[in-house]
Amino acid sequence: MRADARRNREQLVTAARQVFLEQGVDAPLDEMRGARAVGIATLYRRFPDRQALIQQVMQDNLERSRAALERAAEEHSDAWSALVAYLHDVVDEQITLLVPVLAPNIHEELRRRGDVWSRREEVIGRFEQLVQAAKREGRLRGDVGAGDLEVWMVKVCRPIPVLTTEQNELATHRQLRVLIDGLLADTAGGPLPGTPQDGRVQLVLTGLDTHSADAR
């Protein structure tokens, strides 16, 4: 793919991502700023239907998560600092904020596309390794699993409609700071109810059981 074509494609995916976040996956595609910039014809040439664009946004979200994990590992020598950096990146990149928006489409996409399933499994595996490493360091409390963090990050990142974008961003980072402080092993109070959830909890939330034979 030529460099200009790649840039156009990336611009369209970024624009679609923002529209989906603001209006959902049923939003009019011809209203995307990126589509107007490169041309509606280019949009439909690159993505012949809405599902094709949703698929690309989904894959882009996985890639953002994978890149954030790699970046955290490269920039920090200890697992706890890497985990904290990754959680802040998740907020800044709006990674978990997009999960509820795409959830109805994730179910079918993971069943139909083995490459997407493999990429999702890779990201889950890396995140679980990071969580376990932070526990071995004695920094992360032992009754928290990767799946717990995934669910909590989705809840923390949900915006409040009556607040401005700036107010929501500040509130999210303040909540995240409180969450991170509560994750520290040396400040943990009583045990959490239930058992730690692993990183595959999102598959259950979207209607997929990882043990299902037809899920791969």
N, C-alpha and C. Protein backbone atom coordinates (compact mmCIF):
# COMPACT_ATOMS: atom_id res chain seq x y z
N MET A 1 0.84 -1.19 0.00
CA MET A 1 0.00 0.00 0.00
C MET A 1 0.88 1.25 0.00
N ARG A 2 0.57 2.20 -0.87
CA ARG A 2 1.35 3.43 -0.94
C ARG A 2 1.21 4.23 0.35
N ALA A 3 2.23 5.08 0.60
CA ALA A 3 2.24 5.86 1.85
C ALA A 3 1.01 6.75 1.96
N ASP A 4 0.62 7.40 0.86
CA ASP A 4 -0.54 8.29 0.92
C ASP A 4 -1.83 7.51 1.15
N ALA A 5 -1.91 6.33 0.54
CA ALA A 5 -3.10 5.49 0.74
C ALA A 5 -3.17 5.00 2.18
N ARG A 6 -2.00 4.67 2.75
CA ARG A 6 -1.97 4.23 4.14
C ARG A 6 -2.40 5.36 5.07
N ARG A 7 -1.92 6.56 4.79
CA ARG A 7 -2.31 7.71 5.62
C ARG A 7 -3.81 7.96 5.54
N ASN A 8 -4.36 7.87 4.33
CA ASN A 8 -5.81 8.06 4.17
C ASN A 8 -6.60 7.03 4.96
N ARG A 9 -6.13 5.79 4.90
CA ARG A 9 -6.81 4.72 5.62
C ARG A 9 -6.76 4.96 7.13
N GLU A 10 -5.58 5.32 7.61
CA GLU A 10 -5.42 5.59 9.05
C GLU A 10 -6.28 6.77 9.48
N GLN A 11 -6.37 7.78 8.62
CA GLN A 11 -7.18 8.95 8.93
C GLN A 11 -8.66 8.58 9.03
N LEU A 12 -9.10 7.73 8.13
CA LEU A 12 -10.49 7.29 8.14
C LEU A 12 -10.80 6.47 9.39
N VAL A 13 -9.90 5.57 9.75
CA VAL A 13 -10.11 4.72 10.93
C VAL A 13 -10.14 5.57 12.20
N THR A 14 -9.22 6.53 12.30
CA THR A 14 -9.19 7.42 13.46
C THR A 14 -10.48 8.24 13.56
N ALA A 15 -10.94 8.74 12.42
CA ALA A 15 -12.18 9.52 12.40
C ALA A 15 -13.38 8.65 12.78
N ALA A 16 -13.42 7.43 12.24
CA ALA A 16 -14.52 6.52 12.57
C ALA A 16 -14.52 6.17 14.05
N ARG A 17 -13.34 5.96 14.58
CA ARG A 17 -13.20 5.65 16.00
C ARG A 17 -13.84 6.75 16.85
N GLN A 18 -13.55 8.00 16.52
CA GLN A 18 -14.08 9.12 17.29
C GLN A 18 -15.60 9.24 17.15
N VAL A 19 -16.09 9.04 15.93
CA VAL A 19 -17.54 9.10 15.70
C VAL A 19 -18.25 7.98 16.46
N PHE A 20 -17.68 6.78 16.43
CA PHE A 20 -18.29 5.66 17.16
C PHE A 20 -18.32 5.95 18.66
N LEU A 21 -17.26 6.56 19.18
CA LEU A 21 -17.22 6.89 20.60
C LEU A 21 -18.31 7.90 20.96
N GLU A 22 -18.52 8.86 20.07
CA GLU A 22 -19.46 9.95 20.36
C GLU A 22 -20.91 9.59 20.05
N GLN A 23 -21.13 8.80 18.98
CA GLN A 23 -22.50 8.57 18.51
C GLN A 23 -22.87 7.10 18.37
N GLY A 24 -21.93 6.19 18.57
CA GLY A 24 -22.21 4.78 18.39
C GLY A 24 -21.90 4.32 16.97
N VAL A 25 -21.94 3.01 16.76
CA VAL A 25 -21.54 2.44 15.47
C VAL A 25 -22.56 2.67 14.37
N ASP A 26 -23.75 3.16 14.70
CA ASP A 26 -24.77 3.43 13.68
C ASP A 26 -24.74 4.88 13.19
N ALA A 27 -23.75 5.65 13.62
CA ALA A 27 -23.66 7.06 13.22
C ALA A 27 -23.45 7.18 11.71
N PRO A 28 -23.96 8.25 11.08
CA PRO A 28 -23.76 8.47 9.64
C PRO A 28 -22.28 8.59 9.30
N LEU A 29 -21.78 7.75 8.43
CA LEU A 29 -20.36 7.75 8.11
C LEU A 29 -19.94 8.97 7.31
N ASP A 30 -20.86 9.53 6.52
CA ASP A 30 -20.48 10.67 5.69
C ASP A 30 -20.31 11.95 6.50
N GLU A 31 -20.60 11.88 7.81
CA GLU A 31 -20.39 13.05 8.67
C GLU A 31 -19.00 13.06 9.31
N MET A 32 -18.23 12.00 9.09
CA MET A 32 -16.90 11.93 9.69
C MET A 32 -16.00 12.99 9.08
N ARG A 33 -15.27 13.69 9.94
CA ARG A 33 -14.34 14.71 9.45
C ARG A 33 -13.28 14.09 8.55
N GLY A 34 -12.82 12.90 8.91
CA GLY A 34 -11.81 12.24 8.10
C GLY A 34 -12.33 11.88 6.73
N ALA A 35 -13.62 11.50 6.65
CA ALA A 35 -14.21 11.16 5.36
C ALA A 35 -14.32 12.39 4.48
N ARG A 36 -14.68 13.52 5.08
CA ARG A 36 -14.78 14.75 4.30
C ARG A 36 -13.41 15.19 3.80
N ALA A 37 -12.38 14.92 4.61
CA ALA A 37 -11.03 15.35 4.24
C ALA A 37 -10.48 14.55 3.06
N VAL A 38 -10.73 13.25 3.04
CA VAL A 38 -10.17 12.42 1.97
C VAL A 38 -11.19 12.12 0.88
N GLY A 39 -12.46 12.41 1.14
CA GLY A 39 -13.50 12.17 0.15
C GLY A 39 -14.35 10.97 0.49
N ILE A 40 -15.66 11.13 0.34
CA ILE A 40 -16.59 10.04 0.64
C ILE A 40 -16.33 8.84 -0.26
N ALA A 41 -15.97 9.11 -1.51
CA ALA A 41 -15.69 8.00 -2.43
C ALA A 41 -14.55 7.14 -1.93
N THR A 42 -13.52 7.80 -1.37
CA THR A 42 -12.38 7.05 -0.82
C THR A 42 -12.82 6.21 0.36
N LEU A 43 -13.70 6.75 1.20
CA LEU A 43 -14.22 6.00 2.34
C LEU A 43 -14.85 4.69 1.89
N TYR A 44 -15.74 4.77 0.91
CA TYR A 44 -16.46 3.57 0.49
C TYR A 44 -15.60 2.66 -0.38
N ARG A 45 -14.54 3.21 -0.95
CA ARG A 45 -13.62 2.35 -1.70
C ARG A 45 -12.77 1.52 -0.73
N ARG A 46 -12.35 2.15 0.35
CA ARG A 46 -11.54 1.44 1.35
C ARG A 46 -12.40 0.50 2.21
N PHE A 47 -13.61 0.95 2.51
CA PHE A 47 -14.50 0.18 3.38
C PHE A 47 -15.87 0.11 2.72
N PRO A 48 -16.14 -0.95 1.97
CA PRO A 48 -17.37 -1.04 1.18
C PRO A 48 -18.66 -1.03 1.99
N ASP A 49 -18.58 -1.40 3.27
CA ASP A 49 -19.79 -1.35 4.10
C ASP A 49 -19.39 -0.99 5.53
N ARG A 50 -20.39 -0.73 6.33
CA ARG A 50 -20.16 -0.30 7.71
C ARG A 50 -19.41 -1.36 8.51
N GLN A 51 -19.76 -2.63 8.30
CA GLN A 51 -19.12 -3.69 9.07
C GLN A 51 -17.62 -3.75 8.82
N ALA A 52 -17.21 -3.49 7.59
CA ALA A 52 -15.78 -3.49 7.28
C ALA A 52 -15.05 -2.41 8.07
N LEU A 53 -15.68 -1.26 8.23
CA LEU A 53 -15.07 -0.17 8.98
C LEU A 53 -15.05 -0.49 10.48
N ILE A 54 -16.13 -1.07 10.97
CA ILE A 54 -16.18 -1.47 12.38
C ILE A 54 -15.08 -2.48 12.67
N GLN A 55 -14.89 -3.44 11.76
CA GLN A 55 -13.84 -4.43 11.93
C GLN A 55 -12.47 -3.78 12.04
N GLN A 56 -12.22 -2.78 11.20
CA GLN A 56 -10.92 -2.12 11.22
C GLN A 56 -10.72 -1.31 12.50
N VAL A 57 -11.77 -0.66 12.97
CA VAL A 57 -11.69 0.08 14.23
C VAL A 57 -11.41 -0.89 15.39
N MET A 58 -12.04 -2.05 15.35
CA MET A 58 -11.83 -3.06 16.38
C MET A 58 -10.37 -3.52 16.40
N GLN A 59 -9.82 -3.78 15.21
CA GLN A 59 -8.43 -4.20 15.12
C GLN A 59 -7.49 -3.08 15.55
N ASP A 60 -7.84 -1.85 15.21
CA ASP A 60 -7.04 -0.70 15.63
C ASP A 60 -7.02 -0.59 17.15
N ASN A 61 -8.14 -0.87 17.79
CA ASN A 61 -8.20 -0.80 19.24
C ASN A 61 -7.29 -1.84 19.88
N LEU A 62 -7.28 -3.05 19.31
CA LEU A 62 -6.39 -4.09 19.81
C LEU A 62 -4.94 -3.69 19.63
N GLU A 63 -4.62 -3.10 18.49
CA GLU A 63 -3.25 -2.67 18.23
C GLU A 63 -2.83 -1.57 19.20
N ARG A 64 -3.72 -0.66 19.52
CA ARG A 64 -3.40 0.40 20.49
C ARG A 64 -3.09 -0.21 21.85
N SER A 65 -3.86 -1.22 22.24
CA SER A 65 -3.63 -1.87 23.52
C SER A 65 -2.29 -2.60 23.53
N ARG A 66 -2.00 -3.32 22.45
CA ARG A 66 -0.73 -4.04 22.35
C ARG A 66 0.44 -3.07 22.40
N ALA A 67 0.34 -1.97 21.66
CA ALA A 67 1.41 -0.98 21.62
C ALA A 67 1.61 -0.33 22.99
N ALA A 68 0.52 -0.08 23.71
CA ALA A 68 0.62 0.51 25.05
C ALA A 68 1.33 -0.44 26.01
N LEU A 69 1.05 -1.74 25.89
CA LEU A 69 1.73 -2.72 26.74
C LEU A 69 3.22 -2.76 26.44
N GLU A 70 3.57 -2.74 25.16
CA GLU A 70 4.98 -2.75 24.77
C GLU A 70 5.69 -1.49 25.26
N ARG A 71 5.04 -0.36 25.08
CA ARG A 71 5.63 0.91 25.49
C ARG A 71 5.87 0.93 27.01
N ALA A 72 4.92 0.44 27.77
CA ALA A 72 5.06 0.42 29.23
C ALA A 72 6.23 -0.47 29.65
N ALA A 73 6.37 -1.63 28.98
CA ALA A 73 7.45 -2.56 29.32
C ALA A 73 8.82 -1.97 28.98
N GLU A 74 8.88 -1.23 27.87
CA GLU A 74 10.15 -0.65 27.44
C GLU A 74 10.58 0.52 28.33
N GLU A 75 9.62 1.27 28.82
CA GLU A 75 9.93 2.51 29.55
C GLU A 75 10.09 2.31 31.06
N HIS A 76 9.70 1.13 31.58
CA HIS A 76 9.76 0.91 33.03
C HIS A 76 10.41 -0.43 33.33
N SER A 77 11.29 -0.43 34.32
CA SER A 77 12.03 -1.64 34.67
C SER A 77 11.28 -2.55 35.62
N ASP A 78 10.30 -2.02 36.34
CA ASP A 78 9.52 -2.85 37.25
C ASP A 78 8.08 -2.97 36.75
N ALA A 79 7.47 -4.10 37.09
CA ALA A 79 6.13 -4.41 36.56
C ALA A 79 5.07 -3.46 37.09
N TRP A 80 5.17 -3.05 38.36
CA TRP A 80 4.15 -2.17 38.91
C TRP A 80 4.11 -0.84 38.16
N SER A 81 5.28 -0.23 37.95
CA SER A 81 5.32 1.04 37.22
C SER A 81 4.82 0.87 35.79
N ALA A 82 5.15 -0.27 35.17
CA ALA A 82 4.67 -0.54 33.82
C ALA A 82 3.15 -0.68 33.80
N LEU A 83 2.60 -1.34 34.82
CA LEU A 83 1.14 -1.51 34.90
C LEU A 83 0.45 -0.17 35.06
N VAL A 84 0.97 0.68 35.94
CA VAL A 84 0.38 2.00 36.15
C VAL A 84 0.44 2.83 34.87
N ALA A 85 1.59 2.78 34.18
CA ALA A 85 1.73 3.53 32.93
C ALA A 85 0.75 3.02 31.88
N TYR A 86 0.57 1.70 31.82
CA TYR A 86 -0.37 1.12 30.86
C TYR A 86 -1.79 1.57 31.15
N LEU A 87 -2.19 1.57 32.41
CA LEU A 87 -3.55 1.98 32.76
C LEU A 87 -3.80 3.44 32.38
N HIS A 88 -2.80 4.29 32.57
CA HIS A 88 -2.96 5.68 32.16
C HIS A 88 -3.04 5.79 30.64
N ASP A 89 -2.27 4.98 29.93
CA ASP A 89 -2.34 4.98 28.46
C ASP A 89 -3.71 4.53 27.98
N VAL A 90 -4.28 3.54 28.66
CA VAL A 90 -5.61 3.04 28.30
C VAL A 90 -6.63 4.17 28.38
N VAL A 91 -6.50 5.01 29.40
CA VAL A 91 -7.40 6.16 29.54
C VAL A 91 -7.16 7.17 28.43
N ASP A 92 -5.88 7.52 28.22
CA ASP A 92 -5.55 8.54 27.22
C ASP A 92 -5.94 8.11 25.81
N GLU A 93 -5.78 6.81 25.51
CA GLU A 93 -6.09 6.29 24.18
C GLU A 93 -7.57 5.91 24.04
N GLN A 94 -8.32 6.00 25.14
CA GLN A 94 -9.75 5.66 25.16
C GLN A 94 -9.99 4.22 24.71
N ILE A 95 -9.09 3.33 25.10
CA ILE A 95 -9.17 1.94 24.66
C ILE A 95 -10.37 1.23 25.26
N THR A 96 -10.50 1.26 26.59
CA THR A 96 -11.63 0.56 27.20
C THR A 96 -12.94 1.30 27.01
N LEU A 97 -12.88 2.60 26.74
CA LEU A 97 -14.10 3.36 26.48
C LEU A 97 -14.80 2.85 25.23
N LEU A 98 -14.03 2.31 24.30
CA LEU A 98 -14.60 1.82 23.04
C LEU A 98 -15.19 0.42 23.17
N VAL A 99 -14.78 -0.32 24.21
CA VAL A 99 -15.22 -1.71 24.34
C VAL A 99 -16.74 -1.85 24.40
N PRO A 100 -17.47 -1.10 25.25
CA PRO A 100 -18.93 -1.26 25.26
C PRO A 100 -19.59 -0.87 23.94
N VAL A 101 -18.97 0.08 23.22
CA VAL A 101 -19.52 0.52 21.93
C VAL A 101 -19.43 -0.61 20.91
N LEU A 102 -18.31 -1.33 20.93
CA LEU A 102 -18.08 -2.38 19.94
C LEU A 102 -18.59 -3.74 20.38
N ALA A 103 -19.01 -3.87 21.64
CA ALA A 103 -19.35 -5.17 22.21
C ALA A 103 -20.29 -6.01 21.35
N PRO A 104 -21.39 -5.45 20.81
CA PRO A 104 -22.28 -6.29 20.00
C PRO A 104 -21.60 -6.86 18.75
N ASN A 105 -20.57 -6.18 18.26
CA ASN A 105 -19.88 -6.64 17.05
C ASN A 105 -18.71 -7.56 17.37
N ILE A 106 -18.16 -7.46 18.59
CA ILE A 106 -17.02 -8.29 18.96
C ILE A 106 -17.39 -9.76 18.91
N HIS A 107 -18.60 -10.08 19.39
CA HIS A 107 -19.07 -11.47 19.43
C HIS A 107 -18.90 -12.15 18.07
N GLU A 108 -19.52 -11.59 17.05
CA GLU A 108 -19.48 -12.20 15.72
C GLU A 108 -18.10 -12.13 15.10
N GLU A 109 -17.40 -11.03 15.34
CA GLU A 109 -16.08 -10.85 14.73
C GLU A 109 -15.08 -11.87 15.24
N LEU A 110 -15.09 -12.15 16.53
CA LEU A 110 -14.16 -13.12 17.10
C LEU A 110 -14.49 -14.53 16.63
N ARG A 111 -15.76 -14.82 16.44
CA ARG A 111 -16.13 -16.14 15.94
C ARG A 111 -15.72 -16.32 14.48
N ARG A 112 -15.83 -15.24 13.71
CA ARG A 112 -15.63 -15.34 12.27
C ARG A 112 -14.18 -15.18 11.85
N ARG A 113 -13.40 -14.39 12.59
CA ARG A 113 -12.05 -14.04 12.19
C ARG A 113 -11.03 -14.62 13.16
N GLY A 114 -10.33 -15.67 12.73
CA GLY A 114 -9.32 -16.28 13.57
C GLY A 114 -8.16 -15.36 13.89
N ASP A 115 -7.81 -14.46 12.95
CA ASP A 115 -6.69 -13.55 13.19
C ASP A 115 -7.03 -12.55 14.29
N VAL A 116 -8.28 -12.10 14.33
CA VAL A 116 -8.69 -11.17 15.38
C VAL A 116 -8.69 -11.89 16.73
N TRP A 117 -9.16 -13.13 16.74
CA TRP A 117 -9.15 -13.92 17.98
C TRP A 117 -7.71 -14.06 18.48
N SER A 118 -6.78 -14.41 17.59
CA SER A 118 -5.38 -14.60 17.98
C SER A 118 -4.78 -13.31 18.53
N ARG A 119 -5.09 -12.19 17.88
CA ARG A 119 -4.56 -10.91 18.34
C ARG A 119 -5.13 -10.57 19.72
N ARG A 120 -6.40 -10.83 19.91
CA ARG A 120 -7.03 -10.58 21.21
C ARG A 120 -6.39 -11.45 22.29
N GLU A 121 -6.15 -12.73 21.97
CA GLU A 121 -5.52 -13.63 22.92
C GLU A 121 -4.11 -13.18 23.28
N GLU A 122 -3.39 -12.64 22.30
CA GLU A 122 -2.03 -12.15 22.55
C GLU A 122 -2.06 -10.98 23.53
N VAL A 123 -2.97 -10.04 23.31
CA VAL A 123 -3.07 -8.88 24.19
C VAL A 123 -3.47 -9.30 25.59
N ILE A 124 -4.45 -10.20 25.69
CA ILE A 124 -4.87 -10.72 27.00
C ILE A 124 -3.70 -11.36 27.71
N GLY A 125 -2.95 -12.20 26.99
CA GLY A 125 -1.82 -12.90 27.58
C GLY A 125 -0.76 -11.95 28.11
N ARG A 126 -0.44 -10.93 27.34
CA ARG A 126 0.58 -9.96 27.78
C ARG A 126 0.11 -9.20 29.02
N PHE A 127 -1.16 -8.83 29.02
CA PHE A 127 -1.68 -8.09 30.17
C PHE A 127 -1.67 -8.96 31.42
N GLU A 128 -2.06 -10.22 31.28
CA GLU A 128 -2.06 -11.13 32.43
C GLU A 128 -0.65 -11.33 32.96
N GLN A 129 0.33 -11.43 32.05
CA GLN A 129 1.72 -11.58 32.49
C GLN A 129 2.17 -10.36 33.29
N LEU A 130 1.78 -9.18 32.84
CA LEU A 130 2.14 -7.95 33.54
C LEU A 130 1.51 -7.92 34.93
N VAL A 131 0.24 -8.29 35.02
CA VAL A 131 -0.46 -8.31 36.30
C VAL A 131 0.21 -9.30 37.26
N GLN A 132 0.52 -10.49 36.77
CA GLN A 132 1.16 -11.50 37.62
C GLN A 132 2.55 -11.05 38.07
N ALA A 133 3.28 -10.38 37.19
CA ALA A 133 4.62 -9.88 37.55
C ALA A 133 4.52 -8.83 38.65
N ALA A 134 3.51 -7.96 38.57
CA ALA A 134 3.32 -6.93 39.60
C ALA A 134 2.97 -7.58 40.94
N LYS A 135 2.26 -8.69 40.90
CA LYS A 135 1.96 -9.43 42.13
C LYS A 135 3.22 -10.04 42.71
N ARG A 136 4.05 -10.63 41.86
CA ARG A 136 5.29 -11.26 42.34
C ARG A 136 6.22 -10.23 42.98
N GLU A 137 6.17 -9.01 42.50
CA GLU A 137 6.98 -7.94 43.10
C GLU A 137 6.47 -7.56 44.49
N GLY A 138 5.24 -7.96 44.80
CA GLY A 138 4.66 -7.60 46.08
C GLY A 138 3.99 -6.24 46.08
N ARG A 139 3.84 -5.63 44.90
CA ARG A 139 3.25 -4.30 44.82
C ARG A 139 1.73 -4.36 44.61
N LEU A 140 1.27 -5.27 43.76
CA LEU A 140 -0.16 -5.39 43.45
C LEU A 140 -0.81 -6.37 44.41
N ARG A 141 -1.94 -5.99 44.98
CA ARG A 141 -2.64 -6.86 45.91
C ARG A 141 -3.01 -8.18 45.24
N GLY A 142 -2.98 -9.25 46.01
CA GLY A 142 -3.12 -10.58 45.45
C GLY A 142 -4.52 -10.99 45.06
N ASP A 143 -5.54 -10.27 45.52
CA ASP A 143 -6.92 -10.67 45.23
C ASP A 143 -7.50 -9.94 44.04
N VAL A 144 -6.63 -9.43 43.16
CA VAL A 144 -7.07 -8.73 41.95
C VAL A 144 -6.53 -9.47 40.73
N GLY A 145 -7.38 -9.69 39.73
CA GLY A 145 -6.95 -10.34 38.49
C GLY A 145 -7.00 -9.38 37.32
N ALA A 146 -6.42 -9.80 36.21
CA ALA A 146 -6.41 -8.97 35.00
C ALA A 146 -7.83 -8.64 34.54
N GLY A 147 -8.73 -9.61 34.68
CA GLY A 147 -10.12 -9.37 34.28
C GLY A 147 -10.81 -8.32 35.14
N ASP A 148 -10.46 -8.32 36.43
CA ASP A 148 -11.00 -7.27 37.31
C ASP A 148 -10.59 -5.90 36.79
N LEU A 149 -9.32 -5.75 36.45
CA LEU A 149 -8.82 -4.46 35.97
C LEU A 149 -9.49 -4.05 34.67
N GLU A 150 -9.73 -5.01 33.77
CA GLU A 150 -10.39 -4.69 32.51
C GLU A 150 -11.79 -4.14 32.76
N VAL A 151 -12.54 -4.81 33.62
CA VAL A 151 -13.91 -4.37 33.91
C VAL A 151 -13.90 -3.01 34.60
N TRP A 152 -13.01 -2.84 35.58
CA TRP A 152 -12.96 -1.57 36.31
C TRP A 152 -12.57 -0.42 35.40
N MET A 153 -11.66 -0.68 34.44
CA MET A 153 -11.24 0.38 33.54
C MET A 153 -12.39 0.80 32.62
N VAL A 154 -13.21 -0.15 32.21
CA VAL A 154 -14.39 0.19 31.40
C VAL A 154 -15.32 1.10 32.20
N LYS A 155 -15.52 0.76 33.48
CA LYS A 155 -16.42 1.56 34.32
C LYS A 155 -15.83 2.93 34.63
N VAL A 156 -14.53 2.99 34.91
CA VAL A 156 -13.88 4.26 35.24
C VAL A 156 -13.92 5.22 34.05
N CYS A 157 -13.79 4.68 32.84
CA CYS A 157 -13.67 5.53 31.65
C CYS A 157 -15.01 6.02 31.10
N ARG A 158 -16.12 5.50 31.61
CA ARG A 158 -17.42 5.91 31.07
C ARG A 158 -17.66 7.39 31.37
N PRO A 159 -17.95 8.20 30.35
CA PRO A 159 -18.16 9.64 30.57
C PRO A 159 -19.54 9.92 31.18
N ILE A 160 -19.64 11.07 31.83
CA ILE A 160 -20.92 11.56 32.35
C ILE A 160 -21.44 12.60 31.36
N PRO A 161 -22.61 12.39 30.76
CA PRO A 161 -23.09 13.25 29.67
C PRO A 161 -23.13 14.74 29.99
N VAL A 162 -23.43 15.10 31.24
CA VAL A 162 -23.59 16.53 31.55
C VAL A 162 -22.26 17.25 31.72
N LEU A 163 -21.15 16.52 31.75
CA LEU A 163 -19.84 17.14 31.90
C LEU A 163 -19.21 17.42 30.53
N THR A 164 -18.33 18.40 30.49
CA THR A 164 -17.59 18.68 29.25
C THR A 164 -16.52 17.62 29.05
N THR A 165 -15.93 17.60 27.87
CA THR A 165 -14.86 16.64 27.58
C THR A 165 -13.72 16.80 28.58
N GLU A 166 -13.33 18.04 28.83
CA GLU A 166 -12.22 18.31 29.76
C GLU A 166 -12.57 17.85 31.18
N GLN A 167 -13.81 18.09 31.60
CA GLN A 167 -14.22 17.68 32.94
C GLN A 167 -14.24 16.16 33.06
N ASN A 168 -14.71 15.48 32.01
CA ASN A 168 -14.72 14.02 32.03
C ASN A 168 -13.31 13.46 32.08
N GLU A 169 -12.40 14.05 31.31
CA GLU A 169 -11.02 13.56 31.30
C GLU A 169 -10.38 13.71 32.67
N LEU A 170 -10.59 14.87 33.30
CA LEU A 170 -10.03 15.09 34.63
C LEU A 170 -10.64 14.13 35.65
N ALA A 171 -11.95 13.96 35.60
CA ALA A 171 -12.63 13.05 36.53
C ALA A 171 -12.13 11.62 36.36
N THR A 172 -11.92 11.20 35.11
CA THR A 172 -11.44 9.84 34.85
C THR A 172 -10.06 9.63 35.43
N HIS A 173 -9.15 10.58 35.23
CA HIS A 173 -7.80 10.43 35.77
C HIS A 173 -7.80 10.49 37.30
N ARG A 174 -8.68 11.27 37.89
CA ARG A 174 -8.78 11.31 39.35
C ARG A 174 -9.29 9.96 39.88
N GLN A 175 -10.31 9.40 39.23
CA GLN A 175 -10.81 8.09 39.63
C GLN A 175 -9.74 7.02 39.46
N LEU A 176 -8.99 7.12 38.36
CA LEU A 176 -7.94 6.14 38.11
C LEU A 176 -6.88 6.20 39.20
N ARG A 177 -6.54 7.41 39.64
CA ARG A 177 -5.54 7.56 40.70
C ARG A 177 -6.01 6.88 41.98
N VAL A 178 -7.28 7.06 42.32
CA VAL A 178 -7.84 6.41 43.50
C VAL A 178 -7.82 4.89 43.33
N LEU A 179 -8.18 4.41 42.12
CA LEU A 179 -8.16 2.98 41.85
C LEU A 179 -6.75 2.42 42.01
N ILE A 180 -5.76 3.10 41.44
CA ILE A 180 -4.38 2.64 41.52
C ILE A 180 -3.92 2.57 42.97
N ASP A 181 -4.24 3.59 43.76
CA ASP A 181 -3.86 3.57 45.18
C ASP A 181 -4.50 2.37 45.89
N GLY A 182 -5.72 2.02 45.51
CA GLY A 182 -6.39 0.89 46.12
C GLY A 182 -5.85 -0.46 45.68
N LEU A 183 -5.08 -0.47 44.59
CA LEU A 183 -4.49 -1.71 44.09
C LEU A 183 -3.21 -2.09 44.82
N LEU A 184 -2.61 -1.14 45.53
CA LEU A 184 -1.34 -1.40 46.22
C LEU A 184 -1.53 -2.42 47.34
N ALA A 185 -0.63 -3.40 47.36
CA ALA A 185 -0.74 -4.47 48.34
C ALA A 185 -0.59 -3.96 49.77
N ASP A 186 0.28 -2.97 49.97
CA ASP A 186 0.55 -2.52 51.34
C ASP A 186 -0.50 -1.57 51.89
N THR A 187 -1.47 -1.18 51.06
CA THR A 187 -2.55 -0.32 51.54
C THR A 187 -3.91 -1.01 51.48
N ALA A 188 -3.91 -2.28 51.09
CA ALA A 188 -5.18 -3.01 50.94
C ALA A 188 -5.87 -3.17 52.29
N GLY A 189 -7.18 -3.00 52.29
CA GLY A 189 -7.96 -3.21 53.50
C GLY A 189 -8.39 -4.66 53.58
N GLY A 190 -9.69 -4.89 53.74
CA GLY A 190 -10.19 -6.25 53.80
C GLY A 190 -10.20 -6.89 52.42
N PRO A 191 -10.39 -8.22 52.38
CA PRO A 191 -10.41 -8.92 51.09
C PRO A 191 -11.60 -8.51 50.24
N LEU A 192 -11.42 -8.57 48.93
CA LEU A 192 -12.50 -8.25 48.01
C LEU A 192 -13.50 -9.40 47.96
N PRO A 193 -14.78 -9.11 47.72
CA PRO A 193 -15.76 -10.19 47.57
C PRO A 193 -15.51 -10.97 46.29
N GLY A 194 -15.85 -12.25 46.30
CA GLY A 194 -15.67 -13.06 45.10
C GLY A 194 -14.22 -13.46 44.89
N THR A 195 -13.93 -13.92 43.68
CA THR A 195 -12.58 -14.37 43.34
C THR A 195 -12.01 -13.52 42.21
N PRO A 196 -10.67 -13.44 42.10
CA PRO A 196 -10.07 -12.66 41.02
C PRO A 196 -10.50 -13.18 39.65
N GLN A 197 -10.77 -12.26 38.73
CA GLN A 197 -11.16 -12.61 37.37
C GLN A 197 -9.95 -12.56 36.45
N ASP A 198 -9.86 -13.53 35.52
CA ASP A 198 -8.74 -13.49 34.60
C ASP A 198 -9.07 -12.57 33.42
N GLY A 199 -8.10 -12.41 32.51
CA GLY A 199 -8.24 -11.44 31.43
C GLY A 199 -9.25 -11.79 30.37
N ARG A 200 -9.88 -12.96 30.47
CA ARG A 200 -10.85 -13.35 29.45
C ARG A 200 -12.28 -13.01 29.83
N VAL A 201 -12.43 -12.25 30.90
CA VAL A 201 -13.78 -11.90 31.35
C VAL A 201 -14.52 -11.11 30.29
N GLN A 202 -13.83 -10.32 29.46
CA GLN A 202 -14.51 -9.54 28.43
C GLN A 202 -15.17 -10.44 27.40
N LEU A 203 -14.59 -11.63 27.17
CA LEU A 203 -15.19 -12.55 26.20
C LEU A 203 -16.53 -13.05 26.73
N VAL A 204 -16.61 -13.26 28.02
CA VAL A 204 -17.87 -13.67 28.63
C VAL A 204 -18.88 -12.52 28.56
N LEU A 205 -18.40 -11.31 28.82
CA LEU A 205 -19.29 -10.15 28.80
C LEU A 205 -19.87 -9.89 27.43
N THR A 206 -19.15 -10.29 26.38
CA THR A 206 -19.63 -10.06 25.02
C THR A 206 -20.29 -11.30 24.43
N GLY A 207 -20.56 -12.31 25.27
CA GLY A 207 -21.30 -13.47 24.80
C GLY A 207 -20.44 -14.61 24.31
N LEU A 208 -19.13 -14.56 24.55
CA LEU A 208 -18.25 -15.62 24.11
C LEU A 208 -17.65 -16.34 25.30
N ASP A 209 -17.72 -17.65 25.29
CA ASP A 209 -17.07 -18.47 26.30
C ASP A 209 -15.80 -19.02 25.67
N THR A 210 -14.65 -18.79 26.30
CA THR A 210 -13.38 -19.22 25.71
C THR A 210 -13.28 -20.72 25.59
N HIS A 211 -14.12 -21.47 26.29
CA HIS A 211 -14.07 -22.92 26.19
C HIS A 211 -15.02 -23.45 25.12
N SER A 212 -15.74 -22.55 24.47
CA SER A 212 -16.69 -22.98 23.44
C SER A 212 -15.95 -23.44 22.19
N ALA A 213 -16.31 -24.58 21.67
CA ALA A 213 -15.61 -25.15 20.52
C ALA A 213 -15.78 -24.31 19.27
N ASP A 214 -16.91 -23.62 19.15
CA ASP A 214 -17.14 -22.85 17.93
C ASP A 214 -16.69 -21.41 18.06
N ALA A 215 -15.99 -21.09 19.14
CA ALA A 215 -15.54 -19.71 19.34
C ALA A 215 -14.26 -19.40 18.58
N ARG A 216 -13.57 -20.42 18.06
CA ARG A 216 -12.30 -20.21 17.38
C ARG A 216 -12.46 -20.36 15.88
